[in-house]
Amino acid sequence: MSDLSKIKRPIESELKEFRTFFKSLLKTDTKLLNIVINYILRQKGKQLRPILVILTAKLFGKINKSTYVGATMIELMHTATLIHDDVVDNADKRRGMFSINALWKNKIAVLMGDYLLSQGLLISIENDEFNFLREISRTVKQMSEGELLQIEKSRKLDINEDIYYEIIKKKTAVLLSACTVLGAKSVNATNEQVEKVRELGENLGMAFQIKDDLFDLQKINNTGKPSGNDLQEKKITLPLIYSLQNSTEKQKKQILKIIGKSKKNKQNIEQIISFISEKKGIEYATKVMNDYTEKSLEIINQFPKSETKQAFILLINYITSRRK
């Protein structure tokens, strides 16, 4: 049995009900929308975010319709942002399949992302989940700020470690913390419990993004993106930041000059990755990732022993041990 199967085991029936609930809310009379939605549903992701919502809810109480509404809002918002990201990045593939923009062009992809996002907001209103709406709206705002900050710093190439943490907190960690918050709120957890799992989700999100950044430096990348993709886009991540901080001024200028190129060849990318490896940037980023993982484990270990808690521990460890 895979790690993901073990994680899902305590919530198998709830996940099945969630999928039915999720699909039912995406039915429409518009033919083109149905075609694109069906294509999206065929792109089977790991559904880590709905799993996180449902597991968190089960830590505190009984799964209910409110939990499924929260998980659906998260999944719709996440899917919408992925579609928009593919347009921004001009990406042709997503999870090994052609992206929406590759098949239907940018205009339809942007409108599709807008549709999913608005559908998620509408679901919260129709179900009187105004606390969820507030949380999701704040999350989308912060994610947009994080992405724009990263673009700004990529242009100037002046990112440092503190700014990097701010970027990944906003673009990734806030979404995973929203998962844990919505899960807890769906079963009426106390404010203290909500804040505890918010911190858990945030630490988990920080570890998740650092893991993604490490994938970019692997020769064999299973994520569906080419190795060095972040470097091509001038995204300066933690392994590179640490390496630049621990290099001579001459080395730093040389590497930043290569990164600043609008187009980099394979040799350029290999040179940067070799530099990061030589300066122990990968080891440093791995240590920081593991520190955030430990913080998440410290919080979950405060909960009473249960099958759900054990699945949560497996999920936390899976985030940093996954191969894609």
Protein backbone atom coordinates (compact mmCIF):
# COMPACT_ATOMS: atom_id res chain seq x y z
CA MET A 1 0.00 0.00 0.00
CA SER A 2 1.39 3.43 -0.98
CA ASP A 3 1.90 6.24 1.55
CA LEU A 4 -0.94 8.19 -0.04
CA SER A 5 -3.29 5.21 0.30
CA LYS A 6 -2.40 4.91 3.99
CA ILE A 7 -3.09 8.62 4.47
CA LYS A 8 -6.52 8.31 2.82
CA ARG A 9 -7.54 5.15 4.68
CA PRO A 10 -9.31 6.83 7.69
CA ILE A 11 -11.29 9.13 5.36
CA GLU A 12 -11.94 6.90 2.32
CA SER A 13 -15.74 7.13 2.54
CA GLU A 14 -15.60 10.90 3.20
CA LEU A 15 -13.29 11.44 0.19
CA LYS A 16 -15.69 9.48 -2.00
CA GLU A 17 -18.58 11.66 -0.81
CA PHE A 18 -16.48 14.78 -1.39
CA ARG A 19 -15.75 13.79 -5.00
CA THR A 20 -19.47 13.25 -5.67
CA PHE A 21 -20.29 16.60 -4.04
CA PHE A 22 -17.52 18.34 -6.01
CA LYS A 23 -18.63 16.96 -9.39
CA SER A 24 -22.30 17.79 -8.74
CA LEU A 25 -21.46 21.47 -8.30
CA LEU A 26 -19.68 21.68 -11.65
CA LYS A 27 -22.63 20.68 -13.83
CA THR A 28 -23.63 23.35 -16.33
CA ASP A 29 -25.82 23.81 -19.40
CA THR A 30 -22.99 25.44 -21.35
CA LYS A 31 -21.52 22.83 -23.70
CA LEU A 32 -17.98 24.27 -23.89
CA LEU A 33 -17.81 24.62 -20.10
CA ASN A 34 -18.82 20.96 -19.68
CA ILE A 35 -16.14 19.83 -22.13
CA VAL A 36 -13.39 21.76 -20.31
CA ILE A 37 -14.66 20.76 -16.85
CA ASN A 38 -14.70 17.07 -17.82
CA TYR A 39 -11.14 17.43 -19.07
CA ILE A 40 -10.10 19.03 -15.76
CA LEU A 41 -11.74 16.20 -13.79
CA ARG A 42 -9.70 13.68 -15.80
CA GLN A 43 -6.48 15.35 -14.60
CA LYS A 44 -6.36 13.31 -11.42
CA GLY A 45 -4.16 15.09 -8.91
CA LYS A 46 -3.34 13.79 -5.45
CA GLN A 47 -6.09 15.98 -3.92
CA LEU A 48 -3.78 16.80 -1.01
CA ARG A 49 -5.71 19.95 -0.16
CA PRO A 50 -9.18 18.34 0.22
CA ILE A 51 -7.48 15.52 2.15
CA LEU A 52 -5.97 18.12 4.49
CA VAL A 53 -9.37 19.80 5.01
CA ILE A 54 -11.13 16.51 5.77
CA LEU A 55 -8.37 15.10 8.02
CA THR A 56 -8.29 18.32 10.05
CA ALA A 57 -12.07 18.27 10.47
CA LYS A 58 -11.92 14.66 11.65
CA LEU A 59 -9.35 15.61 14.30
CA PHE A 60 -12.00 17.72 16.02
CA GLY A 61 -15.38 16.24 15.15
CA LYS A 62 -17.72 14.58 12.68
CA ILE A 63 -17.41 15.31 8.96
CA ASN A 64 -20.47 17.15 7.62
CA LYS A 65 -21.71 19.13 4.62
CA SER A 66 -19.81 22.20 5.83
CA THR A 67 -16.58 20.18 5.57
CA TYR A 68 -17.35 19.25 1.96
CA VAL A 69 -18.19 22.87 1.14
CA GLY A 70 -14.83 23.96 2.59
CA ALA A 71 -12.91 21.24 0.72
CA THR A 72 -14.73 22.11 -2.52
CA MET A 73 -13.97 25.83 -2.17
CA ILE A 74 -10.28 25.04 -1.65
CA GLU A 75 -10.13 22.66 -4.62
CA LEU A 76 -11.94 25.07 -6.95
CA MET A 77 -9.69 27.95 -5.94
CA HIS A 78 -6.55 25.84 -6.25
CA THR A 79 -7.57 24.54 -9.69
CA ALA A 80 -8.38 28.08 -10.84
CA THR A 81 -4.96 29.35 -9.77
CA LEU A 82 -3.20 26.45 -11.55
CA ILE A 83 -5.04 27.26 -14.79
CA HIS A 84 -4.11 30.94 -14.48
CA ASP A 85 -0.50 30.00 -13.61
CA ASP A 86 -0.23 27.95 -16.80
CA VAL A 87 -1.36 30.97 -18.81
CA VAL A 88 1.17 33.25 -17.06
CA ASP A 89 3.97 30.69 -17.47
CA ASN A 90 2.90 29.76 -21.02
CA ALA A 91 3.01 26.12 -19.84
CA ASP A 92 1.90 23.40 -22.25
CA LYS A 93 1.60 20.54 -19.75
CA ARG A 94 -0.07 19.98 -16.38
CA ARG A 95 0.18 16.63 -14.55
CA GLY A 96 1.44 14.97 -17.72
CA MET A 97 -1.54 16.19 -19.79
CA PHE A 98 -1.92 19.21 -22.05
CA SER A 99 -2.81 22.37 -20.13
CA ILE A 100 -6.12 24.18 -20.72
CA ASN A 101 -4.36 27.05 -22.50
CA ALA A 102 -2.49 24.61 -24.76
CA LEU A 103 -5.77 23.04 -25.94
CA TRP A 104 -8.22 25.96 -25.85
CA LYS A 105 -5.88 29.02 -25.90
CA ASN A 106 -5.38 31.69 -23.23
CA LYS A 107 -8.76 33.44 -23.45
CA ILE A 108 -10.77 30.32 -22.61
CA ALA A 109 -8.22 29.27 -19.95
CA VAL A 110 -8.47 32.64 -18.15
CA LEU A 111 -12.29 32.58 -18.31
CA MET A 112 -12.30 28.98 -17.07
CA GLY A 113 -10.17 29.93 -14.08
CA ASP A 114 -12.48 32.87 -13.37
CA TYR A 115 -15.51 30.56 -13.58
CA LEU A 116 -14.09 28.07 -11.08
CA LEU A 117 -13.06 30.83 -8.67
CA SER A 118 -16.47 32.51 -8.80
CA GLN A 119 -18.20 29.14 -8.41
CA GLY A 120 -16.22 28.54 -5.22
CA LEU A 121 -17.25 31.93 -3.82
CA LEU A 122 -20.89 31.31 -4.79
CA ILE A 123 -20.93 27.94 -3.01
CA SER A 124 -19.92 29.63 0.25
CA ILE A 125 -22.71 32.22 -0.07
CA GLU A 126 -25.38 29.66 -1.01
CA ASN A 127 -24.44 27.59 2.04
CA ASP A 128 -24.12 30.59 4.42
CA GLU A 129 -20.44 29.86 4.99
CA PHE A 130 -19.38 33.49 5.33
CA ASN A 131 -16.44 32.62 7.59
CA PHE A 132 -15.13 30.43 4.78
CA LEU A 133 -15.63 33.25 2.28
CA ARG A 134 -13.59 35.62 4.45
CA GLU A 135 -10.79 33.07 4.82
CA ILE A 136 -10.68 32.24 1.10
CA SER A 137 -10.76 35.90 0.05
CA ARG A 138 -7.80 36.67 2.33
CA THR A 139 -5.97 33.63 0.96
CA VAL A 140 -6.44 34.63 -2.70
CA LYS A 141 -5.30 38.18 -1.88
CA GLN A 142 -2.12 36.94 -0.20
CA MET A 143 -1.38 34.41 -2.93
CA SER A 144 -1.62 37.16 -5.55
CA GLU A 145 0.67 39.40 -3.48
CA GLY A 146 3.19 36.56 -3.15
CA GLU A 147 3.26 35.88 -6.89
CA LEU A 148 3.62 39.59 -7.73
CA LEU A 149 6.40 40.02 -5.15
CA GLN A 150 8.25 37.07 -6.71
CA ILE A 151 7.90 38.60 -10.20
CA GLU A 152 9.17 41.96 -8.94
CA LYS A 153 12.18 40.41 -7.22
CA SER A 154 12.93 38.15 -10.20
CA ARG A 155 13.27 41.25 -12.35
CA LYS A 156 15.59 43.01 -9.90
CA LEU A 157 17.45 39.83 -8.80
CA ASP A 158 17.72 41.29 -5.28
CA ILE A 159 15.94 38.62 -3.25
CA ASN A 160 17.28 37.60 0.17
CA GLU A 161 16.30 34.84 2.57
CA ASP A 162 13.71 36.91 4.49
CA ILE A 163 11.98 38.00 1.28
CA TYR A 164 12.03 34.39 0.03
CA TYR A 165 10.19 33.24 3.18
CA GLU A 166 7.66 36.04 2.74
CA ILE A 167 7.06 34.99 -0.87
CA ILE A 168 6.53 31.28 -0.17
CA LYS A 169 4.40 32.01 2.90
CA LYS A 170 2.04 34.06 0.75
CA LYS A 171 2.07 32.01 -2.46
CA THR A 172 1.92 28.53 -0.91
CA ALA A 173 1.75 28.31 2.89
CA VAL A 174 -1.41 30.44 3.23
CA LEU A 175 -3.32 27.96 1.05
CA LEU A 176 -2.39 24.94 3.17
CA SER A 177 -3.17 26.88 6.35
CA ALA A 178 -6.57 27.76 4.81
CA CYS A 179 -7.16 24.01 4.37
CA THR A 180 -6.57 23.30 8.05
CA VAL A 181 -8.58 26.37 9.15
CA LEU A 182 -11.63 25.51 7.02
CA GLY A 183 -11.48 21.89 8.19
CA ALA A 184 -11.40 22.93 11.85
CA LYS A 185 -14.12 25.58 11.45
CA SER A 186 -16.41 23.14 9.62
CA VAL A 187 -16.80 21.13 12.83
CA ASN A 188 -16.94 24.15 15.16
CA ALA A 189 -13.46 23.86 16.65
CA THR A 190 -12.55 26.52 19.22
CA ASN A 191 -10.63 29.66 18.22
CA GLU A 192 -7.57 28.29 20.02
CA GLN A 193 -7.78 25.02 18.08
CA VAL A 194 -8.24 26.89 14.77
CA GLU A 195 -5.13 28.99 15.38
CA LYS A 196 -3.15 25.89 16.34
CA VAL A 197 -3.94 24.12 13.06
CA ARG A 198 -3.45 27.36 11.12
CA GLU A 199 0.15 27.34 12.36
CA LEU A 200 0.43 23.65 11.50
CA GLY A 201 -0.79 24.26 7.95
CA GLU A 202 1.51 27.22 7.48
CA ASN A 203 4.61 25.26 8.54
CA LEU A 204 3.52 22.42 6.28
CA GLY A 205 3.09 24.85 3.37
CA MET A 206 6.57 26.28 3.87
CA ALA A 207 8.05 22.77 3.78
CA PHE A 208 5.92 21.92 0.72
CA GLN A 209 7.22 24.89 -1.31
CA ILE A 210 10.87 24.32 -0.38
CA LYS A 211 10.45 20.72 -1.54
CA ASP A 212 9.07 21.98 -4.87
CA ASP A 213 12.05 24.34 -5.20
CA LEU A 214 14.42 21.43 -4.62
CA PHE A 215 12.69 19.41 -7.37
CA ASP A 216 13.73 22.09 -9.85
CA LEU A 217 17.39 21.29 -9.24
CA GLN A 218 17.11 17.53 -9.85
CA LYS A 219 18.45 16.01 -13.07
CA ILE A 220 15.45 13.71 -13.24
CA ASN A 221 12.36 15.77 -12.42
CA ASN A 222 9.08 13.86 -11.99
CA THR A 223 6.89 16.94 -11.54
CA GLY A 224 6.16 17.32 -15.26
CA LYS A 225 8.31 20.44 -15.53
CA PRO A 226 11.83 20.48 -16.99
CA SER A 227 14.74 20.70 -14.54
CA GLY A 228 15.93 24.27 -14.07
CA ASN A 229 12.53 25.71 -14.99
CA ASP A 230 12.64 28.15 -12.04
CA LEU A 231 16.12 29.24 -13.06
CA GLN A 232 14.92 29.85 -16.62
CA GLU A 233 12.21 32.11 -15.20
CA LYS A 234 14.76 33.95 -12.98
CA LYS A 235 13.12 32.65 -9.80
CA ILE A 236 15.71 32.79 -7.05
CA THR A 237 14.91 30.09 -4.49
CA LEU A 238 16.43 29.12 -1.14
CA PRO A 239 19.23 26.79 -2.39
CA LEU A 240 20.48 29.55 -4.71
CA ILE A 241 20.09 32.32 -2.11
CA TYR A 242 22.20 30.40 0.39
CA SER A 243 24.83 29.61 -2.27
CA LEU A 244 25.09 33.26 -3.32
CA GLN A 245 25.41 34.35 0.32
CA ASN A 246 28.35 31.97 0.71
CA SER A 247 30.28 32.86 -2.42
CA THR A 248 32.84 35.48 -3.40
CA GLU A 249 31.68 38.74 -4.98
CA LYS A 250 33.14 37.59 -8.29
CA GLN A 251 31.23 34.27 -8.20
CA LYS A 252 28.03 36.06 -7.20
CA LYS A 253 28.26 38.51 -10.12
CA GLN A 254 29.02 35.69 -12.55
CA ILE A 255 26.01 33.58 -11.48
CA LEU A 256 23.61 36.55 -11.36
CA LYS A 257 24.75 37.53 -14.86
CA ILE A 258 23.79 34.07 -16.15
CA ILE A 259 20.44 34.14 -14.31
CA GLY A 260 19.73 37.59 -15.74
CA LYS A 261 19.89 36.29 -19.30
CA SER A 262 16.48 36.22 -20.98
CA LYS A 263 17.30 32.79 -22.45
CA LYS A 264 19.62 30.27 -20.88
CA ASN A 265 20.94 27.15 -22.56
CA LYS A 266 21.36 23.74 -20.96
CA GLN A 267 25.00 24.48 -20.16
CA ASN A 268 24.02 27.67 -18.30
CA ILE A 269 21.49 25.78 -16.18
CA GLU A 270 23.98 23.00 -15.41
CA GLN A 271 26.55 25.61 -14.38
CA ILE A 272 24.14 27.20 -11.90
CA ILE A 273 23.07 23.84 -10.47
CA SER A 274 26.71 22.79 -10.15
CA PHE A 275 27.43 26.06 -8.30
CA ILE A 276 24.51 25.43 -5.90
CA SER A 277 25.71 21.88 -5.29
CA GLU A 278 29.27 23.05 -4.63
CA LYS A 279 28.09 25.68 -2.13
CA LYS A 280 25.87 23.17 -0.25
CA GLY A 281 22.70 25.09 -1.13
CA ILE A 282 20.64 21.91 -1.51
CA GLU A 283 21.74 20.62 1.91
CA TYR A 284 20.87 23.94 3.55
CA ALA A 285 17.41 24.14 1.95
CA THR A 286 16.74 20.51 2.92
CA LYS A 287 17.61 21.32 6.54
CA VAL A 288 15.25 24.32 6.58
CA MET A 289 12.50 22.19 5.00
CA ASN A 290 12.99 19.52 7.67
CA ASP A 291 12.83 22.20 10.40
CA TYR A 292 9.40 23.29 9.17
CA THR A 293 8.32 19.65 9.00
CA GLU A 294 9.40 19.16 12.63
CA LYS A 295 7.36 22.20 13.68
CA SER A 296 4.29 20.65 12.03
CA LEU A 297 4.93 17.32 13.77
CA GLU A 298 5.33 19.03 17.14
CA ILE A 299 1.85 20.53 16.78
CA ILE A 300 0.10 17.35 15.60
CA ASN A 301 1.76 15.35 18.38
CA GLN A 302 -0.15 17.46 20.90
CA PHE A 303 -3.37 15.70 19.80
CA PRO A 304 -4.66 12.45 21.37
CA LYS A 305 -3.72 9.19 19.70
CA SER A 306 -6.08 8.22 16.85
CA GLU A 307 -6.12 6.76 13.34
CA THR A 308 -6.71 10.29 12.01
CA LYS A 309 -3.71 11.67 13.88
CA GLN A 310 -1.52 8.87 12.49
CA ALA A 311 -2.72 9.64 8.95
CA PHE A 312 -1.91 13.30 9.57
CA ILE A 313 1.64 12.38 10.63
CA LEU A 314 2.01 10.30 7.45
CA LEU A 315 0.76 13.27 5.39
CA ILE A 316 3.28 15.65 6.99
CA ASN A 317 6.14 13.23 6.27
CA TYR A 318 4.81 12.55 2.76
CA ILE A 319 5.03 16.26 1.87
CA THR A 320 8.82 16.22 2.16
CA SER A 321 9.48 12.65 0.99
CA ARG A 322 7.31 12.76 -2.19
CA ARG A 323 9.02 12.31 -5.55
CA LYS A 324 6.74 14.67 -7.47
